[in-house]
Amino acid sequence: MATISRKFRDISLSFVRNPVTNDIVAITNEDAIKKSVINLVRTKIGERFFNSLLGTDIDNSMFELQTPELASNLETEITTLLRNFEPRIKNATSYVTYPADSNDLNIRISYDVVGLPLPVQSIEFILQPTRT
């Protein structure tokens, strides 16, 4: 028996005001979860004061040699992070690739939303180094 949840709501980190209610705009359901997943992956380890285990080491690995082992380690790190810190999703898988002759990282994450009858959600984004 599948359980249906109430909808998920988060505040928008752009802090834009709703012109009617004068409240901060809220994002809901799959958009809220997508923003949360991206924020978790982009958080550096130790960046959140009250939870030093939350985050990934992706920023430090962007300047390392691009090897299949490094990509596999990052995939495991992302999947473990999402399993431990995002309770609204399940069956998370990640896939990390390096484009040829680039320091960029292509990250693709797929997951199921808990409690909502949605198809498998997929996020794809590119991380680029800020220092060259």
N, C-alpha and C. Protein backbone atom coordinates (compact mmCIF):
# COMPACT_ATOMS: atom_id res chain seq x y z
N MET A 1 0.83 -1.17 0.00
CA MET A 1 0.00 0.00 0.00
C MET A 1 0.88 1.24 0.00
N ALA A 2 0.75 2.08 -1.00
CA ALA A 2 1.55 3.30 -1.10
C ALA A 2 0.92 4.39 -0.26
N THR A 3 1.78 5.10 0.45
CA THR A 3 1.29 6.22 1.24
C THR A 3 1.55 7.51 0.49
N ILE A 4 0.57 8.39 0.54
CA ILE A 4 0.70 9.68 -0.12
C ILE A 4 0.98 10.73 0.95
N SER A 5 1.98 11.52 0.74
CA SER A 5 2.39 12.52 1.70
C SER A 5 1.75 13.86 1.37
N ARG A 6 1.77 14.75 2.33
CA ARG A 6 1.39 16.12 2.01
C ARG A 6 2.53 16.73 1.22
N LYS A 7 2.32 17.86 0.62
CA LYS A 7 3.36 18.40 -0.25
C LYS A 7 4.52 18.97 0.55
N PHE A 8 5.70 18.95 -0.05
CA PHE A 8 6.91 19.46 0.57
C PHE A 8 7.07 20.93 0.21
N ARG A 9 7.48 21.74 1.19
CA ARG A 9 7.67 23.18 0.95
C ARG A 9 8.98 23.63 1.58
N ASP A 10 9.72 24.44 0.85
CA ASP A 10 10.92 25.10 1.35
C ASP A 10 10.84 26.56 0.95
N ILE A 11 11.62 27.39 1.61
CA ILE A 11 11.66 28.79 1.19
C ILE A 11 12.65 28.91 0.04
N SER A 12 12.40 29.88 -0.81
CA SER A 12 13.30 30.14 -1.92
C SER A 12 14.51 30.90 -1.39
N LEU A 13 15.69 30.46 -1.73
CA LEU A 13 16.90 31.13 -1.25
C LEU A 13 17.17 32.45 -1.96
N SER A 14 16.35 32.80 -2.93
CA SER A 14 16.49 34.12 -3.56
C SER A 14 15.81 35.19 -2.70
N PHE A 15 14.99 34.78 -1.74
CA PHE A 15 14.27 35.66 -0.82
C PHE A 15 13.44 36.71 -1.54
N VAL A 16 12.82 36.31 -2.64
CA VAL A 16 11.93 37.18 -3.38
C VAL A 16 10.59 37.24 -2.65
N ARG A 17 9.98 38.42 -2.62
CA ARG A 17 8.69 38.59 -1.96
C ARG A 17 7.55 38.22 -2.89
N ASN A 18 6.52 37.61 -2.30
CA ASN A 18 5.29 37.38 -3.02
C ASN A 18 4.55 38.71 -3.07
N PRO A 19 4.17 39.21 -4.25
CA PRO A 19 3.55 40.53 -4.32
C PRO A 19 2.18 40.60 -3.65
N VAL A 20 1.50 39.48 -3.50
CA VAL A 20 0.17 39.50 -2.90
C VAL A 20 0.25 39.40 -1.38
N THR A 21 1.00 38.41 -0.88
CA THR A 21 1.04 38.16 0.56
C THR A 21 2.19 38.87 1.26
N ASN A 22 3.15 39.40 0.50
CA ASN A 22 4.34 40.05 1.06
C ASN A 22 5.22 39.08 1.84
N ASP A 23 5.00 37.79 1.64
CA ASP A 23 5.78 36.75 2.28
C ASP A 23 6.91 36.31 1.34
N ILE A 24 7.86 35.56 1.86
CA ILE A 24 8.91 34.99 1.02
C ILE A 24 8.28 33.90 0.15
N VAL A 25 8.66 33.86 -1.11
CA VAL A 25 8.13 32.87 -2.04
C VAL A 25 8.58 31.48 -1.60
N ALA A 26 7.65 30.54 -1.65
CA ALA A 26 7.95 29.15 -1.30
C ALA A 26 8.06 28.32 -2.57
N ILE A 27 8.95 27.34 -2.52
CA ILE A 27 9.03 26.37 -3.61
C ILE A 27 8.51 25.04 -3.06
N THR A 28 7.88 24.25 -3.91
CA THR A 28 7.20 23.06 -3.42
C THR A 28 7.63 21.80 -4.16
N ASN A 29 7.35 20.69 -3.52
CA ASN A 29 7.51 19.33 -4.04
C ASN A 29 8.84 19.09 -4.72
N GLU A 30 8.83 18.67 -5.99
CA GLU A 30 10.08 18.25 -6.63
C GLU A 30 11.06 19.41 -6.80
N ASP A 31 10.59 20.64 -6.95
CA ASP A 31 11.50 21.78 -7.04
C ASP A 31 12.22 22.01 -5.72
N ALA A 32 11.51 21.88 -4.61
CA ALA A 32 12.13 22.05 -3.29
C ALA A 32 13.18 20.97 -3.05
N ILE A 33 12.86 19.75 -3.43
CA ILE A 33 13.81 18.65 -3.22
C ILE A 33 15.03 18.81 -4.12
N LYS A 34 14.79 19.23 -5.36
CA LYS A 34 15.90 19.43 -6.30
C LYS A 34 16.88 20.48 -5.76
N LYS A 35 16.37 21.60 -5.27
CA LYS A 35 17.23 22.64 -4.70
C LYS A 35 18.00 22.12 -3.49
N SER A 36 17.32 21.34 -2.66
CA SER A 36 17.96 20.78 -1.48
C SER A 36 19.10 19.82 -1.85
N VAL A 37 18.86 18.96 -2.84
CA VAL A 37 19.89 18.01 -3.28
C VAL A 37 21.11 18.76 -3.81
N ILE A 38 20.88 19.77 -4.64
CA ILE A 38 22.01 20.54 -5.19
C ILE A 38 22.77 21.25 -4.07
N ASN A 39 22.05 21.83 -3.10
CA ASN A 39 22.70 22.51 -1.99
C ASN A 39 23.53 21.55 -1.15
N LEU A 40 23.00 20.34 -0.92
CA LEU A 40 23.78 19.36 -0.17
C LEU A 40 25.06 18.97 -0.89
N VAL A 41 24.96 18.73 -2.18
CA VAL A 41 26.14 18.31 -2.94
C VAL A 41 27.18 19.42 -3.01
N ARG A 42 26.75 20.66 -3.10
CA ARG A 42 27.69 21.78 -3.22
C ARG A 42 28.22 22.27 -1.88
N THR A 43 27.71 21.75 -0.77
CA THR A 43 28.20 22.13 0.56
C THR A 43 29.53 21.46 0.82
N LYS A 44 30.48 22.24 1.29
CA LYS A 44 31.79 21.68 1.64
C LYS A 44 31.73 21.04 3.03
N ILE A 45 32.53 20.00 3.23
CA ILE A 45 32.59 19.36 4.55
C ILE A 45 33.10 20.38 5.56
N GLY A 46 32.38 20.51 6.67
CA GLY A 46 32.75 21.44 7.72
C GLY A 46 32.19 22.84 7.54
N GLU A 47 31.47 23.07 6.46
CA GLU A 47 30.94 24.41 6.19
C GLU A 47 29.74 24.73 7.08
N ARG A 48 29.00 23.75 7.50
CA ARG A 48 27.85 23.97 8.38
C ARG A 48 28.30 23.74 9.82
N PHE A 49 28.16 24.75 10.62
CA PHE A 49 28.75 24.77 11.96
C PHE A 49 28.27 23.65 12.87
N PHE A 50 26.99 23.31 12.84
CA PHE A 50 26.47 22.36 13.80
C PHE A 50 26.43 20.93 13.29
N ASN A 51 26.93 20.71 12.07
CA ASN A 51 27.01 19.35 11.55
C ASN A 51 28.24 19.26 10.64
N SER A 52 29.35 18.92 11.24
CA SER A 52 30.62 18.89 10.50
C SER A 52 30.71 17.72 9.52
N LEU A 53 29.80 16.76 9.58
CA LEU A 53 29.83 15.62 8.66
C LEU A 53 29.08 15.88 7.37
N LEU A 54 28.24 16.92 7.35
CA LEU A 54 27.42 17.20 6.19
C LEU A 54 28.26 17.87 5.11
N GLY A 55 28.15 17.39 3.88
CA GLY A 55 28.86 17.99 2.76
C GLY A 55 29.68 16.98 1.98
N THR A 56 30.32 17.47 0.93
CA THR A 56 31.17 16.63 0.10
C THR A 56 32.54 17.28 -0.08
N ASP A 57 33.45 16.51 -0.61
CA ASP A 57 34.81 16.98 -0.85
C ASP A 57 35.02 17.23 -2.35
N ILE A 58 33.96 17.58 -3.04
CA ILE A 58 34.03 17.76 -4.48
C ILE A 58 34.96 18.91 -4.87
N ASP A 59 34.89 20.02 -4.16
CA ASP A 59 35.72 21.18 -4.51
C ASP A 59 37.21 20.84 -4.51
N ASN A 60 37.65 20.07 -3.53
CA ASN A 60 39.07 19.70 -3.46
C ASN A 60 39.47 18.70 -4.54
N SER A 61 38.53 17.93 -5.04
CA SER A 61 38.87 16.91 -6.03
C SER A 61 38.81 17.44 -7.46
N MET A 62 38.40 18.67 -7.65
CA MET A 62 38.29 19.20 -9.02
C MET A 62 39.66 19.42 -9.66
N PHE A 63 40.70 19.56 -8.86
CA PHE A 63 42.03 19.82 -9.39
C PHE A 63 42.93 18.58 -9.34
N GLU A 64 42.34 17.44 -9.04
CA GLU A 64 43.10 16.20 -9.02
C GLU A 64 43.10 15.57 -10.41
N LEU A 65 43.95 14.58 -10.59
CA LEU A 65 43.97 13.87 -11.86
C LEU A 65 42.65 13.15 -12.05
N GLN A 66 42.14 13.22 -13.24
CA GLN A 66 40.84 12.64 -13.55
C GLN A 66 40.98 11.15 -13.79
N THR A 67 40.58 10.38 -12.80
CA THR A 67 40.69 8.93 -12.89
C THR A 67 39.32 8.30 -12.64
N PRO A 68 39.11 7.09 -13.12
CA PRO A 68 37.85 6.40 -12.83
C PRO A 68 37.64 6.16 -11.33
N GLU A 69 38.74 5.95 -10.59
CA GLU A 69 38.63 5.73 -9.15
C GLU A 69 38.12 6.98 -8.44
N LEU A 70 38.60 8.15 -8.85
CA LEU A 70 38.15 9.40 -8.25
C LEU A 70 36.67 9.62 -8.54
N ALA A 71 36.24 9.37 -9.77
CA ALA A 71 34.83 9.51 -10.12
C ALA A 71 33.97 8.54 -9.31
N SER A 72 34.43 7.32 -9.14
CA SER A 72 33.70 6.32 -8.35
C SER A 72 33.60 6.75 -6.89
N ASN A 73 34.69 7.28 -6.34
CA ASN A 73 34.67 7.75 -4.95
C ASN A 73 33.69 8.91 -4.77
N LEU A 74 33.64 9.82 -5.73
CA LEU A 74 32.71 10.94 -5.66
C LEU A 74 31.27 10.46 -5.76
N GLU A 75 31.02 9.49 -6.64
CA GLU A 75 29.67 8.94 -6.76
C GLU A 75 29.21 8.32 -5.45
N THR A 76 30.10 7.56 -4.81
CA THR A 76 29.77 6.95 -3.52
C THR A 76 29.54 8.01 -2.45
N GLU A 77 30.37 9.03 -2.45
CA GLU A 77 30.25 10.11 -1.46
C GLU A 77 28.91 10.84 -1.61
N ILE A 78 28.53 11.14 -2.84
CA ILE A 78 27.27 11.85 -3.09
C ILE A 78 26.08 10.97 -2.70
N THR A 79 26.10 9.71 -3.09
CA THR A 79 25.00 8.80 -2.78
C THR A 79 24.85 8.63 -1.27
N THR A 80 25.94 8.49 -0.55
CA THR A 80 25.91 8.35 0.91
C THR A 80 25.39 9.62 1.57
N LEU A 81 25.84 10.76 1.08
CA LEU A 81 25.37 12.05 1.61
C LEU A 81 23.86 12.18 1.48
N LEU A 82 23.34 11.86 0.31
CA LEU A 82 21.90 11.98 0.08
C LEU A 82 21.11 10.97 0.91
N ARG A 83 21.64 9.79 1.07
CA ARG A 83 20.96 8.77 1.88
C ARG A 83 20.89 9.22 3.35
N ASN A 84 21.93 9.88 3.83
CA ASN A 84 21.99 10.27 5.24
C ASN A 84 21.30 11.59 5.55
N PHE A 85 21.24 12.53 4.60
CA PHE A 85 20.80 13.87 4.94
C PHE A 85 19.59 14.38 4.15
N GLU A 86 19.03 13.59 3.26
CA GLU A 86 17.82 14.02 2.54
C GLU A 86 16.76 12.93 2.67
N PRO A 87 15.92 13.02 3.73
CA PRO A 87 14.95 11.96 3.99
C PRO A 87 13.77 11.95 3.02
N ARG A 88 13.64 12.97 2.17
CA ARG A 88 12.49 13.03 1.26
C ARG A 88 12.73 12.24 -0.02
N ILE A 89 13.92 11.65 -0.18
CA ILE A 89 14.21 10.87 -1.38
C ILE A 89 14.68 9.47 -1.01
N LYS A 90 14.58 8.56 -1.97
CA LYS A 90 15.10 7.20 -1.80
C LYS A 90 15.66 6.72 -3.14
N ASN A 91 16.41 5.65 -3.12
CA ASN A 91 17.02 5.06 -4.32
C ASN A 91 17.87 6.06 -5.09
N ALA A 92 18.62 6.88 -4.37
CA ALA A 92 19.47 7.87 -5.03
C ALA A 92 20.68 7.20 -5.66
N THR A 93 20.96 7.57 -6.90
CA THR A 93 22.17 7.13 -7.59
C THR A 93 22.81 8.36 -8.21
N SER A 94 24.13 8.34 -8.26
CA SER A 94 24.84 9.47 -8.86
C SER A 94 25.84 8.95 -9.89
N TYR A 95 26.12 9.79 -10.85
CA TYR A 95 27.05 9.43 -11.92
C TYR A 95 27.91 10.66 -12.19
N VAL A 96 29.23 10.53 -12.04
CA VAL A 96 30.17 11.64 -12.20
C VAL A 96 31.05 11.36 -13.41
N THR A 97 31.17 12.34 -14.30
CA THR A 97 32.06 12.23 -15.45
C THR A 97 32.89 13.50 -15.58
N TYR A 98 34.04 13.33 -16.20
CA TYR A 98 34.92 14.45 -16.50
C TYR A 98 34.94 14.65 -18.01
N PRO A 99 34.57 15.83 -18.50
CA PRO A 99 34.72 16.08 -19.94
C PRO A 99 36.22 16.09 -20.30
N ALA A 100 36.53 15.69 -21.52
CA ALA A 100 37.93 15.65 -21.95
C ALA A 100 38.54 17.06 -21.95
N ASP A 101 39.78 17.16 -21.52
CA ASP A 101 40.54 18.41 -21.51
C ASP A 101 39.84 19.53 -20.75
N SER A 102 39.31 19.20 -19.59
CA SER A 102 38.59 20.19 -18.81
C SER A 102 38.73 19.84 -17.33
N ASN A 103 38.60 20.84 -16.47
CA ASN A 103 38.57 20.59 -15.03
C ASN A 103 37.14 20.54 -14.51
N ASP A 104 36.17 20.54 -15.40
CA ASP A 104 34.77 20.51 -15.00
C ASP A 104 34.37 19.12 -14.54
N LEU A 105 33.31 19.07 -13.75
CA LEU A 105 32.71 17.81 -13.34
C LEU A 105 31.25 17.81 -13.78
N ASN A 106 30.84 16.79 -14.49
CA ASN A 106 29.43 16.61 -14.83
C ASN A 106 28.84 15.66 -13.81
N ILE A 107 27.77 16.08 -13.17
CA ILE A 107 27.14 15.26 -12.13
C ILE A 107 25.69 15.03 -12.51
N ARG A 108 25.28 13.77 -12.50
CA ARG A 108 23.88 13.41 -12.75
C ARG A 108 23.40 12.59 -11.56
N ILE A 109 22.29 13.02 -10.97
CA ILE A 109 21.72 12.36 -9.80
C ILE A 109 20.28 11.96 -10.13
N SER A 110 19.93 10.72 -9.85
CA SER A 110 18.56 10.24 -10.04
C SER A 110 18.05 9.73 -8.70
N TYR A 111 16.75 9.93 -8.45
CA TYR A 111 16.16 9.52 -7.19
C TYR A 111 14.65 9.44 -7.31
N ASP A 112 14.04 8.74 -6.35
CA ASP A 112 12.59 8.68 -6.22
C ASP A 112 12.19 9.57 -5.06
N VAL A 113 11.06 10.27 -5.20
CA VAL A 113 10.54 11.11 -4.13
C VAL A 113 9.67 10.24 -3.23
N VAL A 114 9.90 10.32 -1.93
CA VAL A 114 9.15 9.53 -0.95
C VAL A 114 7.76 10.12 -0.79
N GLY A 115 6.74 9.30 -0.90
CA GLY A 115 5.39 9.70 -0.58
C GLY A 115 4.63 10.43 -1.67
N LEU A 116 5.23 10.68 -2.81
CA LEU A 116 4.53 11.33 -3.90
C LEU A 116 4.58 10.45 -5.14
N PRO A 117 3.48 10.32 -5.87
CA PRO A 117 3.46 9.45 -7.05
C PRO A 117 4.08 10.15 -8.26
N LEU A 118 5.38 10.37 -8.21
CA LEU A 118 6.10 11.04 -9.29
C LEU A 118 7.02 10.05 -9.99
N PRO A 119 7.33 10.29 -11.26
CA PRO A 119 8.34 9.44 -11.92
C PRO A 119 9.72 9.70 -11.32
N VAL A 120 10.68 8.90 -11.70
CA VAL A 120 12.05 9.07 -11.22
C VAL A 120 12.53 10.47 -11.60
N GLN A 121 13.04 11.18 -10.60
CA GLN A 121 13.55 12.54 -10.81
C GLN A 121 15.03 12.47 -11.16
N SER A 122 15.46 13.38 -12.00
CA SER A 122 16.86 13.41 -12.42
C SER A 122 17.35 14.85 -12.45
N ILE A 123 18.53 15.06 -11.90
CA ILE A 123 19.18 16.37 -11.89
C ILE A 123 20.52 16.21 -12.58
N GLU A 124 20.84 17.16 -13.41
CA GLU A 124 22.15 17.16 -14.07
C GLU A 124 22.72 18.56 -13.98
N PHE A 125 23.96 18.67 -13.48
CA PHE A 125 24.60 19.98 -13.41
C PHE A 125 26.10 19.83 -13.55
N ILE A 126 26.75 20.94 -13.85
CA ILE A 126 28.19 20.98 -14.08
C ILE A 126 28.84 21.83 -12.99
N LEU A 127 29.89 21.32 -12.39
CA LEU A 127 30.68 22.10 -11.45
C LEU A 127 31.96 22.52 -12.14
N GLN A 128 32.26 23.81 -12.06
CA GLN A 128 33.46 24.33 -12.69
C GLN A 128 34.36 24.94 -11.61
N PRO A 129 35.67 24.84 -11.79
CA PRO A 129 36.57 25.43 -10.81
C PRO A 129 36.49 26.95 -10.86
N THR A 130 36.62 27.58 -9.70
CA THR A 130 36.60 29.03 -9.65
C THR A 130 37.99 29.62 -9.71
N ARG A 131 38.98 28.83 -9.42
CA ARG A 131 40.35 29.28 -9.56
C ARG A 131 41.01 28.52 -10.69
N THR A 132 41.82 29.18 -11.45
CA THR A 132 42.49 28.52 -12.58
C THR A 132 43.97 28.72 -12.53
